[in-house]
Amino acid sequence: MGMTEILSALMLLGGITDNTGKHPTIIAFSEVFEQAFGFSFNGIYDRQNELFKRKSCNLTKTLDALKAVLIKEYKKRQAKALKNKDEKR
């Protein structure tokens, strides 16, 4: 379900276009994901329906986890940079 969240969010952002400048269909987009990441959605429309049937508090579990990991890494790198800066003094 995590890849469905990511694919759906990217599609809804609308910033991705094909080589003709048009927005790809959900089928075309899902096929690229399947080839790139080596898995199968086994019916992207069914997966999307399952996603949007979730309770709103569970709608973005994967995206929330990705955000938390990125923030944690950002803070870790900031702390390391600050420590290195203090050591150089």
N, C-alpha and C. Protein backbone atom coordinates (compact mmCIF):
# COMPACT_ATOMS: atom_id res chain seq x y z
N MET A 1 0.83 -1.19 0.00
CA MET A 1 0.00 0.00 0.00
C MET A 1 0.87 1.26 0.00
N GLY A 2 2.10 1.16 0.52
CA GLY A 2 2.97 2.32 0.57
C GLY A 2 3.27 2.90 -0.80
N MET A 3 3.53 2.04 -1.77
CA MET A 3 3.81 2.53 -3.12
C MET A 3 2.57 3.18 -3.74
N THR A 4 1.39 2.68 -3.37
CA THR A 4 0.16 3.29 -3.86
C THR A 4 0.02 4.70 -3.32
N GLU A 5 0.36 4.90 -2.04
CA GLU A 5 0.33 6.25 -1.46
C GLU A 5 1.26 7.18 -2.23
N ILE A 6 2.47 6.72 -2.47
CA ILE A 6 3.47 7.55 -3.15
C ILE A 6 3.02 7.86 -4.58
N LEU A 7 2.60 6.84 -5.31
CA LEU A 7 2.15 7.03 -6.69
C LEU A 7 0.96 7.98 -6.73
N SER A 8 -0.01 7.78 -5.86
CA SER A 8 -1.21 8.62 -5.86
C SER A 8 -0.87 10.06 -5.54
N ALA A 9 0.00 10.26 -4.55
CA ALA A 9 0.40 11.62 -4.19
C ALA A 9 1.12 12.32 -5.35
N LEU A 10 2.02 11.60 -6.02
CA LEU A 10 2.72 12.19 -7.17
C LEU A 10 1.76 12.52 -8.30
N MET A 11 0.81 11.63 -8.54
CA MET A 11 -0.18 11.88 -9.59
C MET A 11 -1.01 13.12 -9.26
N LEU A 12 -1.45 13.24 -8.02
CA LEU A 12 -2.30 14.35 -7.62
C LEU A 12 -1.56 15.68 -7.60
N LEU A 13 -0.24 15.65 -7.41
CA LEU A 13 0.55 16.88 -7.49
C LEU A 13 0.49 17.48 -8.89
N GLY A 14 0.42 16.62 -9.89
CA GLY A 14 0.27 17.07 -11.27
C GLY A 14 1.52 17.63 -11.91
N GLY A 15 2.66 17.52 -11.29
CA GLY A 15 3.88 18.09 -11.84
C GLY A 15 4.65 17.18 -12.77
N ILE A 16 4.20 15.95 -12.94
CA ILE A 16 4.91 15.00 -13.78
C ILE A 16 4.21 14.91 -15.13
N THR A 17 5.01 15.06 -16.19
CA THR A 17 4.46 14.98 -17.55
C THR A 17 5.26 13.97 -18.36
N ASP A 18 4.65 13.52 -19.45
CA ASP A 18 5.36 12.59 -20.34
C ASP A 18 6.14 13.39 -21.38
N ASN A 19 6.71 12.70 -22.35
CA ASN A 19 7.56 13.39 -23.34
C ASN A 19 6.77 14.31 -24.28
N THR A 20 5.45 14.24 -24.25
CA THR A 20 4.63 15.14 -25.06
C THR A 20 4.12 16.32 -24.24
N GLY A 21 4.46 16.36 -22.95
CA GLY A 21 4.02 17.44 -22.08
C GLY A 21 2.68 17.20 -21.41
N LYS A 22 2.10 16.02 -21.62
CA LYS A 22 0.81 15.70 -21.02
C LYS A 22 1.02 14.90 -19.74
N HIS A 23 0.01 14.93 -18.88
CA HIS A 23 0.06 14.13 -17.66
C HIS A 23 -0.19 12.67 -18.03
N PRO A 24 0.65 11.75 -17.55
CA PRO A 24 0.46 10.34 -17.87
C PRO A 24 -0.79 9.79 -17.19
N THR A 25 -1.35 8.75 -17.78
CA THR A 25 -2.48 8.08 -17.16
C THR A 25 -2.00 7.32 -15.93
N ILE A 26 -2.93 6.97 -15.07
CA ILE A 26 -2.57 6.21 -13.88
C ILE A 26 -1.97 4.86 -14.27
N ILE A 27 -2.45 4.28 -15.35
CA ILE A 27 -1.93 3.00 -15.82
C ILE A 27 -0.47 3.16 -16.28
N ALA A 28 -0.21 4.18 -17.08
CA ALA A 28 1.16 4.42 -17.57
C ALA A 28 2.10 4.69 -16.39
N PHE A 29 1.63 5.50 -15.47
CA PHE A 29 2.44 5.84 -14.31
C PHE A 29 2.73 4.60 -13.46
N SER A 30 1.71 3.78 -13.25
CA SER A 30 1.90 2.58 -12.43
C SER A 30 2.83 1.58 -13.11
N GLU A 31 2.77 1.50 -14.44
CA GLU A 31 3.68 0.59 -15.16
C GLU A 31 5.13 1.02 -14.99
N VAL A 32 5.38 2.32 -14.99
CA VAL A 32 6.74 2.82 -14.78
C VAL A 32 7.21 2.45 -13.37
N PHE A 33 6.35 2.65 -12.38
CA PHE A 33 6.68 2.26 -11.01
C PHE A 33 7.00 0.78 -10.92
N GLU A 34 6.16 -0.03 -11.53
CA GLU A 34 6.35 -1.48 -11.48
C GLU A 34 7.68 -1.90 -12.10
N GLN A 35 8.02 -1.30 -13.23
CA GLN A 35 9.29 -1.62 -13.88
C GLN A 35 10.48 -1.10 -13.08
N ALA A 36 10.36 0.11 -12.58
CA ALA A 36 11.47 0.73 -11.86
C ALA A 36 11.77 0.03 -10.54
N PHE A 37 10.73 -0.41 -9.85
CA PHE A 37 10.92 -0.96 -8.51
C PHE A 37 10.71 -2.47 -8.44
N GLY A 38 10.41 -3.11 -9.57
CA GLY A 38 10.33 -4.56 -9.65
C GLY A 38 9.22 -5.21 -8.85
N PHE A 39 8.03 -4.69 -8.95
CA PHE A 39 6.88 -5.29 -8.27
C PHE A 39 5.64 -5.08 -9.13
N SER A 40 4.50 -5.54 -8.67
CA SER A 40 3.25 -5.36 -9.40
C SER A 40 2.17 -4.84 -8.46
N PHE A 41 1.43 -3.85 -8.91
CA PHE A 41 0.29 -3.35 -8.14
C PHE A 41 -0.87 -4.34 -8.17
N ASN A 42 -0.91 -5.21 -9.17
CA ASN A 42 -2.03 -6.14 -9.35
C ASN A 42 -3.36 -5.40 -9.40
N GLY A 43 -3.40 -4.37 -10.19
CA GLY A 43 -4.62 -3.58 -10.36
C GLY A 43 -4.54 -2.27 -9.60
N ILE A 44 -3.98 -1.25 -10.23
CA ILE A 44 -3.78 0.03 -9.56
C ILE A 44 -5.09 0.68 -9.14
N TYR A 45 -6.15 0.51 -9.93
CA TYR A 45 -7.43 1.11 -9.57
C TYR A 45 -7.95 0.51 -8.26
N ASP A 46 -7.81 -0.81 -8.11
CA ASP A 46 -8.23 -1.46 -6.86
C ASP A 46 -7.40 -0.98 -5.69
N ARG A 47 -6.10 -0.84 -5.89
CA ARG A 47 -5.21 -0.37 -4.82
C ARG A 47 -5.57 1.05 -4.41
N GLN A 48 -5.85 1.91 -5.40
CA GLN A 48 -6.23 3.29 -5.08
C GLN A 48 -7.56 3.33 -4.33
N ASN A 49 -8.51 2.50 -4.75
CA ASN A 49 -9.79 2.45 -4.04
C ASN A 49 -9.58 2.05 -2.59
N GLU A 50 -8.73 1.06 -2.35
CA GLU A 50 -8.42 0.63 -0.98
C GLU A 50 -7.80 1.78 -0.19
N LEU A 51 -6.91 2.51 -0.83
CA LEU A 51 -6.25 3.63 -0.17
C LEU A 51 -7.27 4.67 0.27
N PHE A 52 -8.17 5.06 -0.61
CA PHE A 52 -9.12 6.13 -0.30
C PHE A 52 -10.28 5.66 0.57
N LYS A 53 -10.39 4.36 0.81
CA LYS A 53 -11.39 3.85 1.75
C LYS A 53 -10.88 3.87 3.19
N ARG A 54 -9.58 4.10 3.38
CA ARG A 54 -9.01 4.16 4.73
C ARG A 54 -9.62 5.31 5.51
N LYS A 55 -9.53 5.21 6.82
CA LYS A 55 -9.90 6.34 7.67
C LYS A 55 -8.90 7.45 7.40
N SER A 56 -9.34 8.68 7.54
CA SER A 56 -8.45 9.80 7.21
C SER A 56 -7.18 9.81 8.05
N CYS A 57 -7.23 9.30 9.27
CA CYS A 57 -6.02 9.29 10.10
C CYS A 57 -5.00 8.27 9.61
N ASN A 58 -5.41 7.32 8.77
CA ASN A 58 -4.50 6.30 8.24
C ASN A 58 -4.18 6.50 6.77
N LEU A 59 -4.65 7.56 6.18
CA LEU A 59 -4.54 7.75 4.74
C LEU A 59 -3.10 7.86 4.26
N THR A 60 -2.23 8.47 5.05
CA THR A 60 -0.86 8.73 4.60
C THR A 60 0.18 8.11 5.53
N LYS A 61 -0.05 6.89 5.97
CA LYS A 61 0.90 6.25 6.90
C LYS A 61 2.31 6.20 6.34
N THR A 62 2.46 5.79 5.10
CA THR A 62 3.80 5.68 4.51
C THR A 62 4.43 7.05 4.33
N LEU A 63 3.66 8.00 3.82
CA LEU A 63 4.20 9.35 3.62
C LEU A 63 4.58 9.99 4.95
N ASP A 64 3.77 9.76 6.00
CA ASP A 64 4.11 10.28 7.32
C ASP A 64 5.40 9.67 7.84
N ALA A 65 5.58 8.37 7.62
CA ALA A 65 6.81 7.70 8.06
C ALA A 65 8.02 8.24 7.30
N LEU A 66 7.86 8.47 5.99
CA LEU A 66 8.95 9.05 5.19
C LEU A 66 9.32 10.44 5.70
N LYS A 67 8.31 11.23 6.01
CA LYS A 67 8.55 12.58 6.52
C LYS A 67 9.30 12.53 7.85
N ALA A 68 8.88 11.64 8.74
CA ALA A 68 9.53 11.52 10.05
C ALA A 68 10.99 11.12 9.91
N VAL A 69 11.29 10.19 9.01
CA VAL A 69 12.67 9.75 8.80
C VAL A 69 13.52 10.88 8.23
N LEU A 70 12.96 11.63 7.29
CA LEU A 70 13.71 12.75 6.70
C LEU A 70 14.00 13.83 7.75
N ILE A 71 13.02 14.14 8.58
CA ILE A 71 13.23 15.14 9.63
C ILE A 71 14.28 14.67 10.62
N LYS A 72 14.22 13.40 11.01
CA LYS A 72 15.20 12.84 11.94
C LYS A 72 16.61 12.93 11.37
N GLU A 73 16.77 12.58 10.10
CA GLU A 73 18.09 12.65 9.46
C GLU A 73 18.56 14.09 9.35
N TYR A 74 17.65 15.01 9.03
CA TYR A 74 17.99 16.43 8.94
C TYR A 74 18.53 16.93 10.28
N LYS A 75 17.82 16.60 11.35
CA LYS A 75 18.26 17.05 12.68
C LYS A 75 19.60 16.44 13.06
N LYS A 76 19.80 15.17 12.72
CA LYS A 76 21.07 14.50 13.00
C LYS A 76 22.22 15.20 12.27
N ARG A 77 22.00 15.53 11.01
CA ARG A 77 23.05 16.20 10.22
C ARG A 77 23.30 17.62 10.73
N GLN A 78 22.25 18.31 11.14
CA GLN A 78 22.42 19.66 11.68
C GLN A 78 23.23 19.61 12.97
N ALA A 79 22.93 18.63 13.83
CA ALA A 79 23.67 18.49 15.09
C ALA A 79 25.13 18.17 14.82
N LYS A 80 25.39 17.32 13.85
CA LYS A 80 26.77 16.96 13.49
C LYS A 80 27.51 18.18 12.95
N ALA A 81 26.85 18.95 12.10
CA ALA A 81 27.49 20.15 11.54
C ALA A 81 27.79 21.16 12.64
N LEU A 82 26.89 21.32 13.59
CA LEU A 82 27.10 22.24 14.70
C LEU A 82 28.26 21.77 15.58
N LYS A 83 28.31 20.46 15.82
CA LYS A 83 29.40 19.89 16.62
C LYS A 83 30.75 20.11 15.92
N ASN A 84 30.80 19.88 14.62
CA ASN A 84 32.04 20.09 13.85
C ASN A 84 32.45 21.56 13.87
N LYS A 85 31.48 22.44 13.80
CA LYS A 85 31.76 23.87 13.82
C LYS A 85 32.35 24.27 15.18
N ASP A 86 31.77 23.72 16.26
CA ASP A 86 32.27 24.02 17.61
C ASP A 86 33.68 23.47 17.82
N GLU A 87 33.98 22.31 17.25
CA GLU A 87 35.30 21.70 17.41
C GLU A 87 36.38 22.50 16.68
N LYS A 88 36.02 23.19 15.62
CA LYS A 88 36.99 23.97 14.85
C LYS A 88 37.38 25.26 15.56
N ARG A 89 36.61 25.66 16.53
CA ARG A 89 36.90 26.92 17.24
C ARG A 89 38.03 26.77 18.15
